[in-house]
Amino acid sequence: MGSCWSRDADAEEHEWKTEIPKASAVAPASDSPSTQSPTKSAPAVVVAMPLPMQKKIQIQEEQEIKEVKSLRLYGDPMCPLTMQILLALRYKDVHYECSWLDKEWTQKQEWAARNGSELKLAVLQHGRDKISGSPDAILQYIESSFPDKPLVPQGEYVAKKVEEWTAYLRDTLGPLVSQLLYDGEPSIQEELAPELDLALAKVNGGLQKFYGDGPCFFGEQFTMADVLLIPTLALLDPLKEFRGIGICSAYISLLAYKRNMHSLPVYAAAKVTPEALNKYVATKLEQRAPPPLLILMLMQHRSILWHFNKLVLLVDELLKGVQSKANYSPAIGIPQLKRLWKGYGRLVEVLQEHAQMEERVIFPAIEHYNPGVTQEANADHGRDLPITNGIREEIKSLVSLDQGTADYSESLVNLATRLRTLQVSFLFTLYGELSFAQASMNTEEHFQEEEKEFLPLLDSAAFGKEQVEPMVTHCLGVMESSHGHLLPFFLSGLNAQDMYQYMMVLHKSLAESKPSLFTRMLHVVRNADDEFQDVRRIVQERFSTFSPFKMTTAGA
């Protein structure tokens, strides 16, 4: 039959026997050929294999052939690393099959990633070979195993450029997009957003040089650079949706590439709908998001400190004008005093509500699991009240005094001193004992330290969704003015990214319990004075689908 098979094993499947015929005679041995009787050779033994066994062997042979040629990818279709592999296989015109991993396996992968284990994001099975590890290793295997349509073109110059851009997209752009999307820690967002913009600017520059009429990174040639860039750009849509970070409108070549990549036939195999990708990312973000209470507290600290710094600079301008009498004019000083009075009144109202929110909501939650931790912070809040009232009275006296007089100058110096004392006191509450110079120069660094301190405390409380939503609602009830008529003022102390993150926390926390409350907040921003037109513009861009801004768009 031309096949090897085991009789013992087959006997279990189908018992059969064959008799072997014996020779009719055996002649005695003799040295003389004349005395030796001729013997007949034994007939060949012919073993007839049963049909069931023949069929079994045939099936085994076909299976072995199939195993040698089959190609199967195991992975998560939403993962950009899986998308890279799919793009490479599709471009190579290789027949493959996919087995998408279930939710349980995905959770195991995430657990492994957090604990440094070896579970892989994707596995490629080629016959009896299994290739796992980094996506780079799988892509290299595909490139070497199916060389007919190379992803790294021939030619020393082009090959070098493809390899350089592949390395940059793999090691710099991809990790930046992924971390910004999935790590909601405010300090990380603030640090990496400018880095991402620089990376996108560099990619735009590369496209300006090589893209031409496209549709691929290197013109008409689809390369490994496209394999890495397309899945990364696909993640920029949810990055804009959930973090408010997008591609600068000046990056024309990059925007054109992102727009045209959807028409590439190879992308059809890996492409997922924007709705499905956003839903997938939303689930991941919900699992990894910092506690909403932490975000509220830290963003409020940032806004308050920004407004403190703004007021200190304004007082310094007034003081400098008085001291250099040649350049001072009441026409300049009076509007500045009005701004100072108005700005300080708003800031104090936000600051007082923030302190009450911490005392009534945040600190009790922490104390429940960490008794005694917030006792000193509560005492600090009471200590600051006399300073706050003293500054208010100092500003009132300034308004009534004649500008340019000695009393006016002395009152201005006292105001600057008290304002700095309150600013340092507030920073002391957050960070412990430090000089004013340290407070002014290292605010960002100390915010990062604060986040590391408070995050474990709030995490240890392990609040469930059913507990968090009422607590957020309670916070907003305590800070009614800050989230009412003062909301545009408060948001103006945040950058666009922090502003979006703060509003998203409010939206998610109120979506089920009090959606009308969030809608009222959007109405307040929409109707804000021109003084806060930047706040109005940013919020409208991020929440353009919500009813208050829908009406604005329709009216326009």
Protein backbone atom coordinates (compact mmCIF):
# COMPACT_ATOMS: atom_id res chain seq x y z
CA MET A 1 0.00 0.00 0.00
CA GLY A 2 3.02 2.24 0.34
CA SER A 3 2.15 3.24 3.91
CA CYS A 4 3.51 2.22 7.27
CA TRP A 5 1.05 1.13 9.87
CA SER A 6 1.08 -0.81 13.14
CA ARG A 7 -0.52 -4.24 13.18
CA ASP A 8 -0.95 -4.13 16.95
CA ALA A 9 -2.77 -0.88 16.80
CA ASP A 10 -4.86 -1.91 13.84
CA ALA A 11 -5.82 -5.19 15.42
CA GLU A 12 -7.75 -3.23 18.01
CA GLU A 13 -9.67 -1.52 15.24
CA HIS A 14 -10.30 -4.64 13.09
CA GLU A 15 -9.19 -8.22 13.90
CA TRP A 16 -8.01 -10.28 10.98
CA LYS A 17 -5.66 -13.29 10.28
CA THR A 18 -3.70 -14.52 7.28
CA GLU A 19 -2.14 -17.95 6.96
CA ILE A 20 1.36 -18.05 5.50
CA PRO A 21 1.85 -21.17 3.23
CA LYS A 22 4.82 -23.40 4.13
CA ALA A 23 7.32 -25.03 1.74
CA SER A 24 6.31 -28.61 0.77
CA ALA A 25 9.76 -30.10 1.55
CA VAL A 26 13.03 -29.17 3.07
CA ALA A 27 16.10 -31.01 1.65
CA PRO A 28 18.88 -32.13 3.96
CA ALA A 29 22.07 -30.19 3.80
CA SER A 30 24.78 -31.74 1.60
CA ASP A 31 28.11 -30.65 0.20
CA SER A 32 27.35 -32.37 -3.09
CA PRO A 33 25.05 -30.51 -5.39
CA SER A 34 24.15 -33.76 -7.07
CA THR A 35 22.72 -35.12 -3.89
CA GLN A 36 20.78 -31.91 -3.05
CA SER A 37 17.18 -32.01 -4.04
CA PRO A 38 15.99 -28.89 -5.68
CA THR A 39 13.67 -26.83 -3.45
CA LYS A 40 10.85 -24.55 -4.43
CA SER A 41 11.00 -20.96 -3.20
CA ALA A 42 8.23 -19.98 -0.77
CA PRO A 43 5.44 -17.98 -2.34
CA ALA A 44 5.29 -14.23 -1.48
CA VAL A 45 3.06 -13.36 1.44
CA VAL A 46 0.30 -11.05 0.29
CA VAL A 47 -1.57 -9.35 3.09
CA ALA A 48 -4.84 -7.80 2.12
CA MET A 49 -5.52 -4.71 4.29
CA PRO A 50 -9.15 -4.38 5.33
CA LEU A 51 -11.06 -1.52 3.74
CA PRO A 52 -11.79 0.27 7.07
CA MET A 53 -8.06 0.42 7.75
CA GLN A 54 -7.29 1.71 4.26
CA LYS A 55 -9.79 4.49 4.74
CA LYS A 56 -8.32 5.41 8.11
CA ILE A 57 -4.81 5.70 6.70
CA GLN A 58 -6.05 7.80 3.82
CA ILE A 59 -7.72 10.21 6.23
CA GLN A 60 -4.51 10.43 8.26
CA GLU A 61 -2.49 11.22 5.15
CA GLU A 62 -4.92 13.93 4.09
CA GLN A 63 -4.87 15.42 7.56
CA GLU A 64 -1.06 15.50 7.58
CA ILE A 65 -1.05 17.32 4.23
CA LYS A 66 -3.64 19.77 5.50
CA GLU A 67 -1.68 20.43 8.68
CA VAL A 68 1.44 21.22 6.71
CA LYS A 69 -0.35 23.85 4.61
CA SER A 70 -2.87 25.35 7.06
CA LEU A 71 -2.41 28.80 8.59
CA ARG A 72 -4.47 29.95 11.56
CA LEU A 73 -4.30 33.13 13.62
CA TYR A 74 -5.43 33.21 17.24
CA GLY A 75 -5.98 36.69 18.63
CA ASP A 76 -8.25 39.59 19.50
CA PRO A 77 -9.69 41.29 16.38
CA MET A 78 -9.83 44.66 18.16
CA CYS A 79 -6.17 44.57 19.12
CA PRO A 80 -3.90 46.68 16.85
CA LEU A 81 -1.24 43.98 17.07
CA THR A 82 -3.66 41.44 15.61
CA MET A 83 -4.59 43.98 12.94
CA GLN A 84 -0.93 44.22 11.92
CA ILE A 85 -0.71 40.46 11.37
CA LEU A 86 -3.97 40.43 9.41
CA LEU A 87 -2.73 43.20 7.14
CA ALA A 88 0.49 41.31 6.40
CA LEU A 89 -1.36 38.05 5.63
CA ARG A 90 -3.91 39.78 3.43
CA TYR A 91 -1.22 41.60 1.45
CA LYS A 92 0.66 38.32 0.91
CA ASP A 93 -2.50 36.73 -0.56
CA VAL A 94 -2.07 33.84 1.87
CA HIS A 95 -5.05 31.66 2.76
CA TYR A 96 -5.58 31.74 6.50
CA GLU A 97 -8.24 31.18 9.10
CA CYS A 98 -8.92 33.07 12.31
CA SER A 99 -9.92 31.97 15.78
CA TRP A 100 -10.88 34.94 17.90
CA LEU A 101 -10.17 34.62 21.59
CA ASP A 102 -13.09 34.80 23.96
CA LYS A 103 -13.61 37.26 26.80
CA GLU A 104 -12.16 34.90 29.40
CA TRP A 105 -8.90 34.55 27.49
CA THR A 106 -8.68 38.32 27.03
CA GLN A 107 -9.04 38.79 30.78
CA LYS A 108 -6.27 36.24 31.34
CA GLN A 109 -4.05 38.18 28.95
CA GLU A 110 -4.65 41.41 30.84
CA TRP A 111 -3.89 39.69 34.12
CA ALA A 112 -0.69 38.26 32.63
CA ALA A 113 0.36 41.68 31.35
CA ARG A 114 -0.07 43.19 34.81
CA ASN A 115 1.89 40.39 36.45
CA GLY A 116 4.68 39.97 33.91
CA SER A 117 3.62 36.53 32.71
CA GLU A 118 4.09 35.02 29.28
CA LEU A 119 0.58 34.81 27.83
CA LYS A 120 0.75 36.11 24.27
CA LEU A 121 -1.48 38.64 22.55
CA ALA A 122 -1.52 36.63 19.33
CA VAL A 123 -0.43 33.20 18.14
CA LEU A 124 0.12 32.15 14.53
CA GLN A 125 -0.09 28.42 13.79
CA HIS A 126 1.48 27.36 10.51
CA GLY A 127 1.04 23.65 10.12
CA ARG A 128 2.64 22.16 13.20
CA ASP A 129 4.63 25.32 13.99
CA LYS A 130 3.34 27.83 16.52
CA ILE A 131 4.78 31.33 16.48
CA SER A 132 4.09 33.63 19.40
CA GLY A 133 5.85 36.34 21.33
CA SER A 134 6.07 39.86 19.98
CA PRO A 135 4.06 40.82 16.89
CA ASP A 136 7.39 41.75 15.36
CA ALA A 137 8.48 38.10 15.55
CA ILE A 138 5.27 36.94 13.87
CA LEU A 139 5.59 39.55 11.13
CA GLN A 140 9.18 38.48 10.46
CA TYR A 141 8.07 34.86 10.23
CA ILE A 142 5.36 35.80 7.70
CA GLU A 143 7.85 37.81 5.67
CA SER A 144 10.37 34.98 5.51
CA SER A 145 7.84 32.16 4.98
CA PHE A 146 5.95 33.92 2.18
CA PRO A 147 8.57 35.92 0.27
CA ASP A 148 6.65 36.37 -3.01
CA LYS A 149 5.26 39.79 -2.08
CA PRO A 150 7.86 41.36 0.21
CA LEU A 151 6.84 43.96 2.77
CA VAL A 152 10.42 45.24 2.78
CA PRO A 153 11.13 46.06 -0.88
CA GLN A 154 14.34 45.30 -2.72
CA GLY A 155 16.86 48.07 -3.02
CA GLU A 156 19.26 49.20 -0.34
CA TYR A 157 17.93 52.76 0.06
CA VAL A 158 14.22 51.89 0.11
CA ALA A 159 14.75 48.88 2.38
CA LYS A 160 16.71 51.04 4.83
CA LYS A 161 14.01 53.72 4.92
CA VAL A 162 11.24 51.14 5.40
CA GLU A 163 13.13 49.58 8.30
CA GLU A 164 13.78 52.98 9.89
CA TRP A 165 10.13 54.03 9.74
CA THR A 166 8.94 50.60 10.84
CA ALA A 167 11.12 50.86 13.95
CA TYR A 168 9.87 54.38 14.71
CA LEU A 169 6.21 53.44 14.32
CA ARG A 170 6.68 50.30 16.41
CA ASP A 171 8.82 51.78 19.21
CA THR A 172 7.59 55.39 19.47
CA LEU A 173 4.26 56.24 17.86
CA GLY A 174 2.40 53.02 18.68
CA PRO A 175 3.27 52.99 22.41
CA LEU A 176 2.44 56.71 22.74
CA VAL A 177 -1.04 56.28 21.24
CA SER A 178 -1.73 53.17 23.30
CA GLN A 179 -0.63 54.67 26.62
CA LEU A 180 -2.49 57.93 26.08
CA LEU A 181 -5.64 56.02 25.18
CA TYR A 182 -5.64 53.52 28.02
CA ASP A 183 -3.85 55.33 30.85
CA GLY A 184 -6.14 58.02 32.23
CA GLU A 185 -3.75 59.20 34.95
CA PRO A 186 -3.73 63.02 34.59
CA SER A 187 0.05 63.39 34.91
CA ILE A 188 0.58 60.81 32.14
CA GLN A 189 -1.89 62.58 29.88
CA GLU A 190 -0.25 65.94 30.45
CA GLU A 191 3.25 64.57 29.88
CA LEU A 192 2.62 62.44 26.79
CA ALA A 193 0.19 64.58 24.79
CA PRO A 194 2.93 66.97 23.56
CA GLU A 195 5.16 63.98 22.79
CA LEU A 196 2.43 62.46 20.65
CA ASP A 197 2.02 65.71 18.75
CA LEU A 198 5.75 65.73 17.98
CA ALA A 199 5.59 62.10 16.84
CA LEU A 200 2.63 62.82 14.55
CA ALA A 201 4.50 65.82 13.15
CA LYS A 202 7.45 63.58 12.33
CA VAL A 203 5.23 61.02 10.58
CA ASN A 204 3.60 63.84 8.64
CA GLY A 205 7.06 64.95 7.54
CA GLY A 206 7.90 61.43 6.39
CA LEU A 207 4.67 61.24 4.38
CA GLN A 208 5.41 64.59 2.78
CA LYS A 209 8.65 63.07 1.49
CA PHE A 210 7.51 59.59 0.44
CA TYR A 211 3.71 59.55 0.14
CA GLY A 212 3.26 61.43 -3.12
CA ASP A 213 -0.10 60.44 -4.61
CA GLY A 214 -0.28 57.46 -2.25
CA PRO A 215 -2.12 55.45 -1.25
CA CYS A 216 0.71 53.87 0.79
CA PHE A 217 3.42 55.35 2.99
CA PHE A 218 5.97 54.84 0.21
CA GLY A 219 3.69 55.83 -2.65
CA GLU A 220 2.28 52.85 -4.53
CA GLN A 221 4.29 50.22 -2.62
CA PHE A 222 2.57 48.65 0.41
CA THR A 223 5.28 48.01 3.03
CA MET A 224 5.84 47.05 6.62
CA ALA A 225 5.48 50.74 7.50
CA ASP A 226 1.83 50.60 6.40
CA VAL A 227 1.31 47.40 8.40
CA LEU A 228 2.25 49.28 11.57
CA LEU A 229 0.83 52.72 10.79
CA ILE A 230 -2.73 51.79 9.77
CA PRO A 231 -3.76 50.08 13.06
CA THR A 232 -2.18 52.91 15.06
CA LEU A 233 -4.11 55.56 13.14
CA ALA A 234 -7.31 53.55 13.64
CA LEU A 235 -6.86 54.09 17.39
CA LEU A 236 -6.72 57.86 16.95
CA ASP A 237 -10.51 57.96 16.52
CA PRO A 238 -11.22 56.59 20.01
CA LEU A 239 -8.31 58.68 21.32
CA LYS A 240 -10.13 61.78 20.09
CA GLU A 241 -13.45 60.47 21.39
CA PHE A 242 -12.32 59.56 24.90
CA ARG A 243 -9.26 61.77 25.54
CA GLY A 244 -9.88 64.74 23.30
CA ILE A 245 -6.54 64.29 21.51
CA GLY A 246 -6.46 64.32 17.73
CA ILE A 247 -4.31 65.09 14.69
CA CYS A 248 -3.40 68.73 14.20
CA SER A 249 -5.14 70.19 11.15
CA ALA A 250 -1.74 71.38 9.86
CA TYR A 251 -0.61 67.77 9.30
CA ILE A 252 -2.18 67.59 5.85
CA SER A 253 -0.26 64.57 4.54
CA LEU A 254 -1.05 62.50 7.62
CA LEU A 255 -4.73 63.39 7.46
CA ALA A 256 -4.80 62.45 3.77
CA TYR A 257 -3.16 59.10 4.51
CA LYS A 258 -5.62 58.38 7.32
CA ARG A 259 -8.54 59.24 5.07
CA ASN A 260 -7.29 57.15 2.11
CA MET A 261 -6.23 54.07 4.09
CA HIS A 262 -9.89 52.99 4.31
CA SER A 263 -9.94 52.42 0.55
CA LEU A 264 -7.00 49.98 0.64
CA PRO A 265 -8.22 46.42 -0.15
CA VAL A 266 -5.82 44.92 2.41
CA TYR A 267 -7.44 46.98 5.17
CA ALA A 268 -10.79 45.26 4.64
CA ALA A 269 -9.50 42.11 6.37
CA ALA A 270 -8.44 43.91 9.54
CA LYS A 271 -10.89 46.79 9.64
CA VAL A 272 -13.44 47.07 12.43
CA THR A 273 -16.30 49.56 12.50
CA PRO A 274 -15.72 52.78 14.48
CA GLU A 275 -18.73 51.93 16.64
CA ALA A 276 -17.34 48.49 17.55
CA LEU A 277 -13.88 49.90 18.26
CA ASN A 278 -15.26 52.70 20.44
CA LYS A 279 -17.37 50.22 22.37
CA TYR A 280 -14.35 47.98 22.89
CA VAL A 281 -12.18 50.90 24.06
CA ALA A 282 -14.94 52.21 26.33
CA THR A 283 -15.09 48.84 28.10
CA LYS A 284 -11.31 48.81 28.56
CA LEU A 285 -11.28 52.37 29.86
CA GLU A 286 -14.04 51.65 32.34
CA GLN A 287 -11.99 48.76 33.71
CA ARG A 288 -8.80 50.82 34.01
CA ALA A 289 -10.08 54.32 34.82
CA PRO A 290 -8.88 56.08 37.99
CA PRO A 291 -11.66 56.63 40.53
CA PRO A 292 -13.99 59.47 39.40
CA LEU A 293 -13.62 61.15 42.80
CA LEU A 294 -9.87 61.30 42.33
CA ILE A 295 -10.24 62.94 38.92
CA LEU A 296 -12.67 65.51 40.30
CA MET A 297 -10.40 66.38 43.20
CA LEU A 298 -7.18 66.64 41.19
CA MET A 299 -8.69 68.65 38.36
CA GLN A 300 -10.14 71.07 40.91
CA HIS A 301 -6.70 71.45 42.49
CA ARG A 302 -5.22 72.25 39.09
CA SER A 303 -7.82 74.87 38.30
CA ILE A 304 -7.53 76.55 41.70
CA LEU A 305 -3.73 76.71 41.48
CA TRP A 306 -3.90 78.13 37.96
CA HIS A 307 -6.22 80.92 39.11
CA PHE A 308 -4.03 81.56 42.16
CA ASN A 309 -1.02 82.02 39.90
CA LYS A 310 -3.00 84.32 37.62
CA LEU A 311 -4.00 86.56 40.53
CA VAL A 312 -0.44 86.70 41.89
CA LEU A 313 0.81 87.78 38.46
CA LEU A 314 -1.91 90.45 38.29
CA VAL A 315 -0.92 91.88 41.69
CA ASP A 316 2.73 91.84 40.62
CA GLU A 317 1.79 93.87 37.53
CA LEU A 318 -0.02 96.44 39.70
CA LEU A 319 2.90 96.63 42.12
CA LYS A 320 5.42 96.98 39.32
CA GLY A 321 3.36 99.79 37.78
CA VAL A 322 3.21 101.72 41.04
CA GLN A 323 6.93 101.29 41.69
CA SER A 324 7.82 102.53 38.19
CA LYS A 325 5.75 105.71 38.36
CA ALA A 326 6.80 106.84 34.93
CA ASN A 327 4.82 104.07 33.25
CA TYR A 328 1.89 103.95 35.65
CA SER A 329 -1.55 105.25 34.74
CA PRO A 330 -4.84 105.02 36.68
CA ALA A 331 -6.49 104.15 33.38
CA ILE A 332 -4.53 100.89 33.51
CA GLY A 333 -4.70 100.32 37.26
CA ILE A 334 -8.47 100.66 37.69
CA PRO A 335 -9.43 97.90 35.19
CA GLN A 336 -6.80 95.66 36.73
CA LEU A 337 -8.23 96.22 40.20
CA LYS A 338 -11.70 95.34 38.93
CA ARG A 339 -10.35 92.13 37.39
CA LEU A 340 -8.59 91.35 40.65
CA TRP A 341 -11.75 91.87 42.71
CA LYS A 342 -13.92 89.84 40.36
CA GLY A 343 -11.37 87.03 39.89
CA TYR A 344 -10.64 86.69 43.59
CA GLY A 345 -14.34 86.59 44.49
CA ARG A 346 -14.89 83.74 42.03
CA LEU A 347 -11.80 81.87 43.20
CA VAL A 348 -12.73 82.08 46.86
CA GLU A 349 -16.21 80.70 46.16
CA VAL A 350 -14.74 77.74 44.25
CA LEU A 351 -12.07 77.23 46.89
CA GLN A 352 -14.57 77.18 49.75
CA GLU A 353 -16.89 74.76 47.96
CA HIS A 354 -13.94 72.54 47.14
CA ALA A 355 -12.89 72.44 50.80
CA GLN A 356 -16.46 71.58 51.83
CA MET A 357 -16.58 68.82 49.20
CA GLU A 358 -13.39 67.27 50.57
CA GLU A 359 -14.59 67.53 54.17
CA ARG A 360 -18.06 66.09 53.50
CA VAL A 361 -17.39 63.50 50.78
CA ILE A 362 -13.73 62.71 50.02
CA PHE A 363 -12.23 62.68 53.50
CA PRO A 364 -14.99 60.54 55.10
CA ALA A 365 -14.58 58.00 52.30
CA ILE A 366 -10.83 57.78 52.92
CA GLU A 367 -11.24 57.80 56.72
CA HIS A 368 -13.53 54.78 56.53
CA TYR A 369 -10.62 52.65 55.33
CA ASN A 370 -7.67 54.72 56.62
CA PRO A 371 -8.64 56.29 59.97
CA GLY A 372 -6.76 59.44 60.94
CA VAL A 373 -5.24 60.13 57.52
CA THR A 374 -7.20 63.33 56.81
CA GLN A 375 -7.21 64.88 60.27
CA GLU A 376 -4.41 67.34 59.49
CA ALA A 377 -5.94 68.36 56.16
CA ASN A 378 -9.21 69.22 57.91
CA ALA A 379 -7.32 71.44 60.34
CA ASP A 380 -5.59 73.22 57.43
CA HIS A 381 -8.93 74.17 55.90
CA GLY A 382 -9.96 76.01 59.09
CA ARG A 383 -6.60 77.77 59.29
CA ASP A 384 -6.97 79.35 55.84
CA LEU A 385 -10.33 81.06 56.42
CA PRO A 386 -8.98 84.19 58.23
CA ILE A 387 -6.35 84.67 55.47
CA THR A 388 -9.04 84.42 52.81
CA ASN A 389 -11.23 87.03 54.47
CA GLY A 390 -8.23 89.32 55.08
CA ILE A 391 -7.38 89.34 51.38
CA ARG A 392 -10.96 90.24 50.49
CA GLU A 393 -10.86 93.24 52.84
CA GLU A 394 -7.45 94.29 51.49
CA ILE A 395 -8.81 94.39 47.91
CA LYS A 396 -11.84 96.42 49.05
CA SER A 397 -9.57 98.98 50.68
CA LEU A 398 -7.44 99.23 47.56
CA VAL A 399 -10.48 100.12 45.47
CA SER A 400 -11.31 103.02 47.82
CA LEU A 401 -7.77 104.46 48.00
CA ASP A 402 -6.28 107.00 45.64
CA GLN A 403 -3.90 105.32 43.24
CA GLY A 404 -0.29 106.40 43.37
CA THR A 405 -0.37 107.39 47.06
CA ALA A 406 1.86 105.84 49.74
CA ASP A 407 -1.15 104.22 51.41
CA TYR A 408 -2.12 102.66 48.10
CA SER A 409 1.38 101.26 47.57
CA GLU A 410 1.54 99.92 51.13
CA SER A 411 -1.86 98.26 50.79
CA LEU A 412 -0.79 96.70 47.51
CA VAL A 413 2.35 95.25 49.10
CA ASN A 414 0.27 93.81 51.95
CA LEU A 415 -2.13 92.27 49.44
CA ALA A 416 0.69 90.61 47.50
CA THR A 417 2.12 89.18 50.73
CA ARG A 418 -1.22 87.82 51.94
CA LEU A 419 -2.08 86.35 48.55
CA ARG A 420 1.25 84.54 48.42
CA THR A 421 0.74 83.32 51.98
CA LEU A 422 -2.63 81.81 51.04
CA GLN A 423 -1.18 80.28 47.88
CA VAL A 424 1.66 78.65 49.82
CA SER A 425 -0.81 77.54 52.50
CA PHE A 426 -2.92 75.84 49.86
CA LEU A 427 0.15 74.17 48.38
CA PHE A 428 1.25 73.16 51.88
CA THR A 429 -2.10 71.43 52.36
CA LEU A 430 -1.48 69.45 49.19
CA TYR A 431 2.21 68.66 49.41
CA GLY A 432 3.55 69.29 52.87
CA GLU A 433 6.18 71.84 53.92
CA LEU A 434 7.96 73.58 51.05
CA SER A 435 9.14 77.05 50.19
CA PHE A 436 7.17 79.40 47.97
CA ALA A 437 9.90 79.16 45.35
CA GLN A 438 9.50 75.39 45.33
CA ALA A 439 5.73 75.76 45.15
CA SER A 440 5.98 78.09 42.17
CA MET A 441 8.65 76.21 40.27
CA ASN A 442 7.67 72.60 40.90
CA THR A 443 3.86 72.61 40.81
CA GLU A 444 3.67 69.94 38.13
CA GLU A 445 6.12 67.69 39.96
CA HIS A 446 4.19 68.02 43.22
CA PHE A 447 0.92 67.25 41.48
CA GLN A 448 2.43 63.97 40.35
CA GLU A 449 3.48 63.22 43.93
CA GLU A 450 -0.04 64.04 45.16
CA GLU A 451 -1.63 61.72 42.62
CA LYS A 452 0.62 58.89 43.78
CA GLU A 453 -0.44 59.58 47.36
CA PHE A 454 -4.21 59.85 46.91
CA LEU A 455 -4.72 57.21 44.23
CA PRO A 456 -3.86 54.25 46.52
CA LEU A 457 -6.06 55.69 49.27
CA LEU A 458 -9.11 56.01 47.06
CA ASP A 459 -8.34 52.71 45.34
CA SER A 460 -8.21 50.98 48.71
CA ALA A 461 -11.76 52.11 49.33
CA ALA A 462 -12.80 49.90 46.37
CA PHE A 463 -16.05 51.76 45.71
CA GLY A 464 -18.43 50.06 43.34
CA LYS A 465 -20.41 51.89 40.68
CA GLU A 466 -23.49 51.91 42.88
CA GLN A 467 -21.49 53.80 45.53
CA VAL A 468 -19.51 56.13 43.28
CA GLU A 469 -22.45 57.71 41.43
CA PRO A 470 -24.23 58.96 44.59
CA MET A 471 -20.91 60.27 45.91
CA VAL A 472 -20.24 62.22 42.71
CA THR A 473 -23.78 63.60 42.83
CA HIS A 474 -23.13 64.59 46.45
CA CYS A 475 -19.92 66.38 45.40
CA LEU A 476 -21.79 68.34 42.76
CA GLY A 477 -24.49 69.23 45.27
CA VAL A 478 -21.88 70.64 47.65
CA MET A 479 -20.13 72.49 44.81
CA GLU A 480 -23.32 73.83 43.29
CA SER A 481 -21.98 77.23 42.23
CA SER A 482 -18.74 75.78 40.86
CA HIS A 483 -20.79 73.56 38.54
CA GLY A 484 -23.40 76.22 37.92
CA HIS A 485 -22.71 79.84 37.02
CA LEU A 486 -18.99 79.50 37.90
CA LEU A 487 -18.40 76.43 35.70
CA PRO A 488 -16.90 78.41 32.75
CA PHE A 489 -14.57 80.19 35.21
CA PHE A 490 -13.53 76.91 36.81
CA LEU A 491 -12.94 75.17 33.44
CA SER A 492 -10.84 78.11 32.20
CA GLY A 493 -8.17 77.03 34.70
CA LEU A 494 -7.72 73.69 32.89
CA ASN A 495 -6.07 72.89 29.60
CA ALA A 496 -8.23 71.44 26.83
CA GLN A 497 -7.32 67.86 27.67
CA ASP A 498 -8.06 68.18 31.40
CA MET A 499 -11.24 70.09 30.63
CA TYR A 500 -12.49 67.24 28.46
CA GLN A 501 -11.54 64.60 31.03
CA TYR A 502 -13.35 66.47 33.81
CA MET A 503 -16.52 66.87 31.76
CA MET A 504 -16.41 63.20 30.73
CA VAL A 505 -16.30 62.13 34.37
CA LEU A 506 -19.34 64.27 35.05
CA HIS A 507 -21.15 62.90 32.00
CA LYS A 508 -20.50 59.24 32.85
CA SER A 509 -21.35 59.69 36.51
CA LEU A 510 -24.64 61.45 35.77
CA ALA A 511 -25.68 59.57 32.61
CA GLU A 512 -28.04 57.20 34.42
CA SER A 513 -28.97 59.00 37.62
CA LYS A 514 -29.27 62.68 36.61
CA PRO A 515 -28.67 63.25 32.88
CA SER A 516 -30.57 66.54 32.99
CA LEU A 517 -28.00 67.94 35.43
CA PHE A 518 -25.19 67.43 32.92
CA THR A 519 -27.32 68.99 30.18
CA ARG A 520 -27.80 72.08 32.38
CA MET A 521 -24.02 72.33 32.77
CA LEU A 522 -23.61 72.29 29.00
CA HIS A 523 -26.22 75.06 28.74
CA VAL A 524 -24.19 77.16 31.19
CA VAL A 525 -21.03 76.72 29.11
CA ARG A 526 -22.89 77.41 25.89
CA ASN A 527 -24.21 80.72 27.26
CA ALA A 528 -20.93 81.79 28.88
CA ASP A 529 -19.59 85.33 28.44
CA ASP A 530 -17.07 86.07 25.72
CA GLU A 531 -14.46 86.10 28.48
CA PHE A 532 -14.70 82.30 28.36
CA GLN A 533 -15.07 81.82 24.62
CA ASP A 534 -12.16 79.33 24.56
CA VAL A 535 -13.95 77.18 27.14
CA ARG A 536 -17.15 77.35 25.10
CA ARG A 537 -15.32 76.38 21.91
CA ILE A 538 -13.47 73.40 23.45
CA VAL A 539 -16.53 71.96 25.19
CA GLN A 540 -18.63 72.44 22.07
CA GLU A 541 -16.05 70.56 19.97
CA ARG A 542 -15.98 67.64 22.39
CA PHE A 543 -19.72 67.44 23.06
CA SER A 544 -21.13 68.60 19.74
CA THR A 545 -23.67 65.74 19.66
CA PHE A 546 -25.35 66.85 22.90
CA SER A 547 -28.59 68.79 22.69
CA PRO A 548 -27.39 72.25 23.87
CA PHE A 549 -24.75 72.39 21.14
CA LYS A 550 -26.96 70.70 18.57
CA MET A 551 -29.24 73.70 18.89
CA THR A 552 -26.27 76.03 18.48
CA THR A 553 -25.21 74.23 15.31
CA ALA A 554 -28.74 74.26 13.93
CA GLY A 555 -29.06 77.96 14.64
CA ALA A 556 -25.79 78.66 12.88
